[in-house]
PDB file of N, CA and C in Angstrom:
ATOM      1  N   MET A   1      56.276  60.470  56.495  1.00  0.00           N
ATOM      2  CA  MET A   1      54.588  60.592  55.349  1.00  0.00           C
ATOM      3  C   MET A   1      53.275  60.250  56.765  1.00  0.00           C
ATOM      4  N   PRO A   2      52.393  61.151  56.097  1.00  0.00           N
ATOM      5  CA  PRO A   2      51.025  60.909  56.516  1.00  0.00           C
ATOM      6  C   PRO A   2      50.828  59.440  55.583  1.00  0.00           C
ATOM      7  N   ASP A   3      49.460  59.057  55.900  1.00  0.00           N
ATOM      8  CA  ASP A   3      49.321  57.944  55.264  1.00  0.00           C
ATOM      9  C   ASP A   3      47.418  58.403  53.951  1.00  0.00           C
ATOM     10  N   THR A   4      47.944  58.298  53.168  1.00  0.00           N
ATOM     11  CA  THR A   4      47.449  59.306  52.102  1.00  0.00           C
ATOM     12  C   THR A   4      46.056  58.027  51.471  1.00  0.00           C
ATOM     13  N   LYS A   5      46.061  56.602  52.390  1.00  0.00           N
ATOM     14  CA  LYS A   5      45.206  55.719  51.868  1.00  0.00           C
ATOM     15  C   LYS A   5      43.831  56.546  51.941  1.00  0.00           C
ATOM     16  N   GLU A   6      43.157  56.274  50.984  1.00  0.00           N
ATOM     17  CA  GLU A   6      41.949  56.134  51.501  1.00  0.00           C
ATOM     18  C   GLU A   6      41.246  55.431  52.661  1.00  0.00           C
ATOM     19  N   VAL A   7      40.399  56.444  53.664  1.00  0.00           N
ATOM     20  CA  VAL A   7      39.847  55.178  54.626  1.00  0.00           C
ATOM     21  C   VAL A   7      38.780  55.240  54.234  1.00  0.00           C
ATOM     22  N   ARG A   8      38.509  53.648  54.470  1.00  0.00           N
ATOM     23  CA  ARG A   8      36.857  52.982  54.143  1.00  0.00           C
ATOM     24  C   ARG A   8      36.670  52.596  55.494  1.00  0.00           C
ATOM     25  N   THR A   9      35.436  51.612  55.123  1.00  0.00           N
ATOM     26  CA  THR A   9      34.669  51.538  56.501  1.00  0.00           C
ATOM     27  C   THR A   9      34.185  50.033  56.065  1.00  0.00           C
ATOM     28  N   LEU A  10      33.784  49.414  56.713  1.00  0.00           N
ATOM     29  CA  LEU A  10      32.967  47.846  56.353  1.00  0.00           C
ATOM     30  C   LEU A  10      32.216  48.257  55.761  1.00  0.00           C
ATOM     31  N   LYS A  11      30.966  49.296  55.472  1.00  0.00           N
ATOM     32  CA  LYS A  11      30.146  49.771  55.709  1.00  0.00           C
ATOM     33  C   LYS A  11      29.991  49.853  53.535  1.00  0.00           C
ATOM     34  N   ASP A  12      30.959  51.037  53.537  1.00  0.00           N
ATOM     35  CA  ASP A  12      31.710  50.752  52.407  1.00  0.00           C
ATOM     36  C   ASP A  12      32.391  49.746  51.015  1.00  0.00           C
ATOM     37  N   VAL A  13      32.563  48.357  51.670  1.00  0.00           N
ATOM     38  CA  VAL A  13      32.642  47.196  51.085  1.00  0.00           C
ATOM     39  C   VAL A  13      30.969  46.274  49.879  1.00  0.00           C
ATOM     40  N   GLY A  14      31.913  46.259  49.047  1.00  0.00           N
ATOM     41  CA  GLY A  14      31.477  45.479  48.066  1.00  0.00           C
ATOM     42  C   GLY A  14      30.821  44.099  48.523  1.00  0.00           C
ATOM     43  N   VAL A  15      29.423  43.473  48.450  1.00  0.00           N
ATOM     44  CA  VAL A  15      29.301  42.544  48.139  1.00  0.00           C
ATOM     45  C   VAL A  15      30.421  41.289  46.962  1.00  0.00           C
ATOM     46  N   GLY A  16      30.527  40.299  48.111  1.00  0.00           N
ATOM     47  CA  GLY A  16      31.586  39.476  47.492  1.00  0.00           C
ATOM     48  C   GLY A  16      32.810  39.569  47.723  1.00  0.00           C
ATOM     49  N   ASP A  17      32.982  40.755  48.793  1.00  0.00           N
ATOM     50  CA  ASP A  17      34.332  41.674  48.881  1.00  0.00           C
ATOM     51  C   ASP A  17      34.835  40.580  50.516  1.00  0.00           C
ATOM     52  N   THR A  18      36.136  40.490  50.388  1.00  0.00           N
ATOM     53  CA  THR A  18      36.664  40.179  51.775  1.00  0.00           C
ATOM     54  C   THR A  18      37.685  41.187  52.308  1.00  0.00           C
ATOM     55  N   VAL A  19      37.846  41.651  53.600  1.00  0.00           N
ATOM     56  CA  VAL A  19      38.950  42.721  54.066  1.00  0.00           C
ATOM     57  C   VAL A  19      39.078  42.025  54.949  1.00  0.00           C
ATOM     58  N   THR A  20      40.436  43.558  55.387  1.00  0.00           N
ATOM     59  CA  THR A  20      40.796  42.860  56.828  1.00  0.00           C
ATOM     60  C   THR A  20      40.300  44.015  57.976  1.00  0.00           C
ATOM     61  N   VAL A  21      39.657  43.968  59.153  1.00  0.00           N
ATOM     62  CA  VAL A  21      39.821  45.237  59.996  1.00  0.00           C
ATOM     63  C   VAL A  21      41.242  45.884  60.557  1.00  0.00           C
ATOM     64  N   ARG A  22      41.301  46.925  60.081  1.00  0.00           N
ATOM     65  CA  ARG A  22      42.168  48.045  60.701  1.00  0.00           C
ATOM     66  C   ARG A  22      41.984  48.707  61.722  1.00  0.00           C
ATOM     67  N   ARG A  23      40.970  49.244  62.551  1.00  0.00           N
ATOM     68  CA  ARG A  23      41.200  49.627  63.668  1.00  0.00           C
ATOM     69  C   ARG A  23      39.347  49.664  63.628  1.00  0.00           C
ATOM     70  N   LEU A  24      38.737  49.808  65.144  1.00  0.00           N
ATOM     71  CA  LEU A  24      37.084  50.085  65.646  1.00  0.00           C
ATOM     72  C   LEU A  24      37.288  51.279  66.019  1.00  0.00           C
ATOM     73  N   THR A  25      36.048  52.169  65.317  1.00  0.00           N
ATOM     74  CA  THR A  25      35.991  52.851  65.652  1.00  0.00           C
ATOM     75  C   THR A  25      35.121  53.239  67.134  1.00  0.00           C
ATOM     76  N   GLY A  26      34.226  54.049  67.544  1.00  0.00           N
ATOM     77  CA  GLY A  26      33.144  53.999  68.576  1.00  0.00           C
ATOM     78  C   GLY A  26      33.484  54.255  70.676  1.00  0.00           C
ATOM     79  N   GLU A  27      32.749  53.802  70.650  1.00  0.00           N
ATOM     80  CA  GLU A  27      33.074  53.621  72.138  1.00  0.00           C
ATOM     81  C   GLU A  27      32.829  53.441  73.489  1.00  0.00           C
ATOM     82  N   GLY A  28      33.392  52.738  73.976  1.00  0.00           N
ATOM     83  CA  GLY A  28      32.347  51.582  75.103  1.00  0.00           C
ATOM     84  C   GLY A  28      31.834  51.107  75.176  1.00  0.00           C
ATOM     85  N   ALA A  29      30.295  50.706  75.347  1.00  0.00           N
ATOM     86  CA  ALA A  29      29.873  49.777  74.957  1.00  0.00           C
ATOM     87  C   ALA A  29      29.116  48.684  73.803  1.00  0.00           C
ATOM     88  N   VAL A  30      29.405  49.749  72.846  1.00  0.00           N
ATOM     89  CA  VAL A  30      29.377  49.904  71.533  1.00  0.00           C
ATOM     90  C   VAL A  30      30.594  48.953  70.944  1.00  0.00           C
ATOM     91  N   LYS A  31      31.591  49.369  71.392  1.00  0.00           N
ATOM     92  CA  LYS A  31      32.911  49.330  71.200  1.00  0.00           C
ATOM     93  C   LYS A  31      33.161  47.695  70.983  1.00  0.00           C
ATOM     94  N   ARG A  32      32.820  47.556  72.668  1.00  0.00           N
ATOM     95  CA  ARG A  32      33.352  46.206  73.210  1.00  0.00           C
ATOM     96  C   ARG A  32      32.275  45.062  72.853  1.00  0.00           C
ATOM     97  N   ARG A  33      30.854  45.077  71.956  1.00  0.00           N
ATOM     98  CA  ARG A  33      29.466  45.048  71.693  1.00  0.00           C
ATOM     99  C   ARG A  33      30.484  43.944  70.030  1.00  0.00           C
ATOM    100  N   ILE A  34      30.860  45.074  69.552  1.00  0.00           N
ATOM    101  CA  ILE A  34      31.355  44.716  68.014  1.00  0.00           C
ATOM    102  C   ILE A  34      32.944  43.369  67.971  1.00  0.00           C
ATOM    103  N   MET A  35      33.745  43.862  69.301  1.00  0.00           N
ATOM    104  CA  MET A  35      34.097  43.023  69.725  1.00  0.00           C
ATOM    105  C   MET A  35      34.641  41.861  70.398  1.00  0.00           C
ATOM    106  N   ASP A  36      32.960  41.509  70.743  1.00  0.00           N
ATOM    107  CA  ASP A  36      32.822  40.329  71.876  1.00  0.00           C
ATOM    108  C   ASP A  36      32.227  39.934  69.928  1.00  0.00           C
ATOM    109  N   MET A  37      31.654  40.170  69.025  1.00  0.00           N
ATOM    110  CA  MET A  37      31.166  39.773  68.115  1.00  0.00           C
ATOM    111  C   MET A  37      32.250  39.069  67.570  1.00  0.00           C
ATOM    112  N   GLY A  38      33.456  39.227  67.858  1.00  0.00           N
ATOM    113  CA  GLY A  38      34.778  38.306  66.880  1.00  0.00           C
ATOM    114  C   GLY A  38      35.859  39.518  65.721  1.00  0.00           C
ATOM    115  N   ILE A  39      35.273  41.353  65.864  1.00  0.00           N
ATOM    116  CA  ILE A  39      35.522  41.914  64.598  1.00  0.00           C
ATOM    117  C   ILE A  39      36.781  42.804  65.842  1.00  0.00           C
ATOM    118  N   THR A  40      37.982  41.989  65.294  1.00  0.00           N
ATOM    119  CA  THR A  40      39.006  42.872  65.626  1.00  0.00           C
ATOM    120  C   THR A  40      39.717  43.075  65.142  1.00  0.00           C
ATOM    121  N   LYS A  41      41.071  43.904  65.380  1.00  0.00           N
ATOM    122  CA  LYS A  41      42.253  44.619  64.426  1.00  0.00           C
ATOM    123  C   LYS A  41      42.895  43.013  63.820  1.00  0.00           C
ATOM    124  N   GLY A  42      42.601  43.078  62.181  1.00  0.00           N
ATOM    125  CA  GLY A  42      43.392  41.832  61.727  1.00  0.00           C
ATOM    126  C   GLY A  42      42.437  40.745  61.488  1.00  0.00           C
ATOM    127  N   THR A  43      41.256  40.862  61.609  1.00  0.00           N
ATOM    128  CA  THR A  43      40.388  40.162  61.699  1.00  0.00           C
ATOM    129  C   THR A  43      40.084  40.093  60.431  1.00  0.00           C
ATOM    130  N   SER A  44      39.575  38.494  59.123  1.00  0.00           N
ATOM    131  CA  SER A  44      39.159  38.991  57.872  1.00  0.00           C
ATOM    132  C   SER A  44      37.859  38.886  58.253  1.00  0.00           C
ATOM    133  N   VAL A  45      36.962  39.946  56.820  1.00  0.00           N
ATOM    134  CA  VAL A  45      35.313  39.396  57.096  1.00  0.00           C
ATOM    135  C   VAL A  45      35.113  39.667  55.272  1.00  0.00           C
ATOM    136  N   PHE A  46      34.093  39.041  55.145  1.00  0.00           N
ATOM    137  CA  PHE A  46      33.888  38.122  54.250  1.00  0.00           C
ATOM    138  C   PHE A  46      32.051  38.750  53.632  1.00  0.00           C
ATOM    139  N   VAL A  47      31.759  40.182  52.630  1.00  0.00           N
ATOM    140  CA  VAL A  47      30.626  40.441  52.857  1.00  0.00           C
ATOM    141  C   VAL A  47      29.931  39.369  52.049  1.00  0.00           C
ATOM    142  N   ARG A  48      28.546  38.887  52.273  1.00  0.00           N
ATOM    143  CA  ARG A  48      27.677  37.828  51.841  1.00  0.00           C
ATOM    144  C   ARG A  48      26.809  39.125  51.184  1.00  0.00           C
ATOM    145  N   LYS A  49      26.364  39.171  52.023  1.00  0.00           N
ATOM    146  CA  LYS A  49      24.826  40.128  51.256  1.00  0.00           C
ATOM    147  C   LYS A  49      24.389  42.345  51.748  1.00  0.00           C
ATOM    148  N   VAL A  50      23.707  42.230  51.172  1.00  0.00           N
ATOM    149  CA  VAL A  50      23.647  43.781  51.603  1.00  0.00           C
ATOM    150  C   VAL A  50      22.270  43.871  51.616  1.00  0.00           C
ATOM    151  N   ALA A  51      21.538  44.449  52.731  1.00  0.00           N
ATOM    152  CA  ALA A  51      19.751  44.152  52.753  1.00  0.00           C
ATOM    153  C   ALA A  51      18.940  45.308  51.116  1.00  0.00           C
ATOM    154  N   PRO A  52      18.664  44.695  50.374  1.00  0.00           N
ATOM    155  CA  PRO A  52      17.665  45.661  49.962  1.00  0.00           C
ATOM    156  C   PRO A  52      17.365  47.650  49.971  1.00  0.00           C
ATOM    157  N   LEU A  53      17.459  47.935  51.361  1.00  0.00           N
ATOM    158  CA  LEU A  53      17.742  49.111  51.627  1.00  0.00           C
ATOM    159  C   LEU A  53      19.080  49.534  52.200  1.00  0.00           C
ATOM    160  N   GLY A  54      19.946  48.950  52.379  1.00  0.00           N
ATOM    161  CA  GLY A  54      21.354  48.427  52.491  1.00  0.00           C
ATOM    162  C   GLY A  54      21.364  48.241  53.890  1.00  0.00           C
ATOM    163  N   ASP A  55      20.740  48.473  54.491  1.00  0.00           N
ATOM    164  CA  ASP A  55      20.734  47.728  56.173  1.00  0.00           C
ATOM    165  C   ASP A  55      20.338  46.529  56.801  1.00  0.00           C
ATOM    166  N   PRO A  56      20.185  46.004  57.391  1.00  0.00           N
ATOM    167  CA  PRO A  56      21.611  45.115  57.728  1.00  0.00           C
ATOM    168  C   PRO A  56      22.244  44.742  56.696  1.00  0.00           C
ATOM    169  N   ILE A  57      23.820  44.605  56.411  1.00  0.00           N
ATOM    170  CA  ILE A  57      24.605  44.179  56.203  1.00  0.00           C
ATOM    171  C   ILE A  57      24.965  42.700  56.638  1.00  0.00           C
ATOM    172  N   GLU A  58      25.206  41.276  56.074  1.00  0.00           N
ATOM    173  CA  GLU A  58      25.392  40.356  56.185  1.00  0.00           C
ATOM    174  C   GLU A  58      26.894  39.708  56.122  1.00  0.00           C
ATOM    175  N   VAL A  59      27.451  39.983  57.187  1.00  0.00           N
ATOM    176  CA  VAL A  59      29.644  39.085  56.974  1.00  0.00           C
ATOM    177  C   VAL A  59      29.237  38.041  57.426  1.00  0.00           C
ATOM    178  N   THR A  60      30.904  37.327  57.019  1.00  0.00           N
ATOM    179  CA  THR A  60      31.354  36.343  57.856  1.00  0.00           C
ATOM    180  C   THR A  60      32.420  37.278  57.715  1.00  0.00           C
ATOM    181  N   VAL A  61      32.542  35.998  59.458  1.00  0.00           N
ATOM    182  CA  VAL A  61      33.805  36.252  60.157  1.00  0.00           C
ATOM    183  C   VAL A  61      34.003  35.318  61.344  1.00  0.00           C
ATOM    184  N   ARG A  62      35.426  35.112  61.142  1.00  0.00           N
ATOM    185  CA  ARG A  62      36.028  34.119  61.845  1.00  0.00           C
ATOM    186  C   ARG A  62      35.002  32.442  61.891  1.00  0.00           C
ATOM    187  N   GLY A  63      34.392  32.168  60.752  1.00  0.00           N
ATOM    188  CA  GLY A  63      33.754  31.046  60.190  1.00  0.00           C
ATOM    189  C   GLY A  63      32.078  30.750  60.713  1.00  0.00           C
ATOM    190  N   TYR A  64      31.729  32.468  61.195  1.00  0.00           N
ATOM    191  CA  TYR A  64      30.132  32.096  61.438  1.00  0.00           C
ATOM    192  C   TYR A  64      29.458  33.827  60.607  1.00  0.00           C
ATOM    193  N   GLU A  65      28.542  33.679  60.156  1.00  0.00           N
ATOM    194  CA  GLU A  65      27.579  34.886  59.738  1.00  0.00           C
ATOM    195  C   GLU A  65      26.763  35.307  60.239  1.00  0.00           C
ATOM    196  N   LEU A  66      27.386  36.734  60.144  1.00  0.00           N
ATOM    197  CA  LEU A  66      26.929  38.172  61.225  1.00  0.00           C
ATOM    198  C   LEU A  66      26.072  38.638  60.343  1.00  0.00           C
ATOM    199  N   SER A  67      24.389  39.162  60.770  1.00  0.00           N
ATOM    200  CA  SER A  67      24.189  40.793  60.445  1.00  0.00           C
ATOM    201  C   SER A  67      24.770  41.844  61.389  1.00  0.00           C
ATOM    202  N   LEU A  68      24.562  42.383  60.584  1.00  0.00           N
ATOM    203  CA  LEU A  68      25.170  44.248  60.958  1.00  0.00           C
ATOM    204  C   LEU A  68      24.915  45.128  60.802  1.00  0.00           C
ATOM    205  N   ARG A  69      23.887  46.090  61.253  1.00  0.00           N
ATOM    206  CA  ARG A  69      23.794  47.972  61.674  1.00  0.00           C
ATOM    207  C   ARG A  69      24.784  48.271  60.732  1.00  0.00           C
ATOM    208  N   LYS A  70      23.598  48.981  59.870  1.00  0.00           N
ATOM    209  CA  LYS A  70      24.640  50.236  58.958  1.00  0.00           C
ATOM    210  C   LYS A  70      25.487  50.926  59.829  1.00  0.00           C
ATOM    211  N   ALA A  71      24.488  51.471  61.008  1.00  0.00           N
ATOM    212  CA  ALA A  71      25.408  52.161  62.380  1.00  0.00           C
ATOM    213  C   ALA A  71      26.855  51.994  62.533  1.00  0.00           C
ATOM    214  N   ASP A  72      26.646  50.036  62.807  1.00  0.00           N
ATOM    215  CA  ASP A  72      28.371  49.577  63.690  1.00  0.00           C
ATOM    216  C   ASP A  72      28.577  49.044  62.454  1.00  0.00           C
ATOM    217  N   ALA A  73      28.657  48.735  61.191  1.00  0.00           N
ATOM    218  CA  ALA A  73      29.352  48.662  60.191  1.00  0.00           C
ATOM    219  C   ALA A  73      30.536  50.327  60.136  1.00  0.00           C
ATOM    220  N   GLU A  74      29.641  50.994  59.886  1.00  0.00           N
ATOM    221  CA  GLU A  74      30.569  52.325  59.658  1.00  0.00           C
ATOM    222  C   GLU A  74      31.632  52.782  61.087  1.00  0.00           C
ATOM    223  N   MET A  75      31.638  51.681  62.415  1.00  0.00           N
ATOM    224  CA  MET A  75      32.139  52.214  62.935  1.00  0.00           C
ATOM    225  C   MET A  75      33.884  51.200  62.899  1.00  0.00           C
ATOM    226  N   ILE A  76      33.882  50.248  61.543  1.00  0.00           N
ATOM    227  CA  ILE A  76      34.875  49.534  61.460  1.00  0.00           C
ATOM    228  C   ILE A  76      35.585  49.901  60.307  1.00  0.00           C
ATOM    229  N   LEU A  77      36.570  50.043  60.194  1.00  0.00           N
ATOM    230  CA  LEU A  77      38.287  50.506  59.412  1.00  0.00           C
ATOM    231  C   LEU A  77      38.196  49.497  58.768  1.00  0.00           C
ATOM    232  N   VAL A  78      38.685  48.981  57.953  1.00  0.00           N
ATOM    233  CA  VAL A  78      39.078  48.245  56.443  1.00  0.00           C
ATOM    234  C   VAL A  78      39.643  48.448  56.019  1.00  0.00           C
ATOM    235  N   ASP A  79      40.819  47.493  55.604  1.00  0.00           N
ATOM    236  CA  ASP A  79      41.659  47.904  54.330  1.00  0.00           C
ATOM    237  C   ASP A  79      41.376  46.702  53.006  1.00  0.00           C
TER     238      ASP A  79
END
């Protein structure tokens, strides 16, 4: 049976929500950079703030704060 769950990216998550990383899309160096920041499958991510124009997004990952561009946040699929 196919997965009927809606696909959500980190960009779609509201401020104050905590989500779990399902998988990373993206290729090569961009994907490696995101993984090097500590965002890997199964990691919990808390969305702290979103800038007024939506870019960047400030999150807490593995106990530290991180700012992500909207384009990078779109590559992170979450539950």
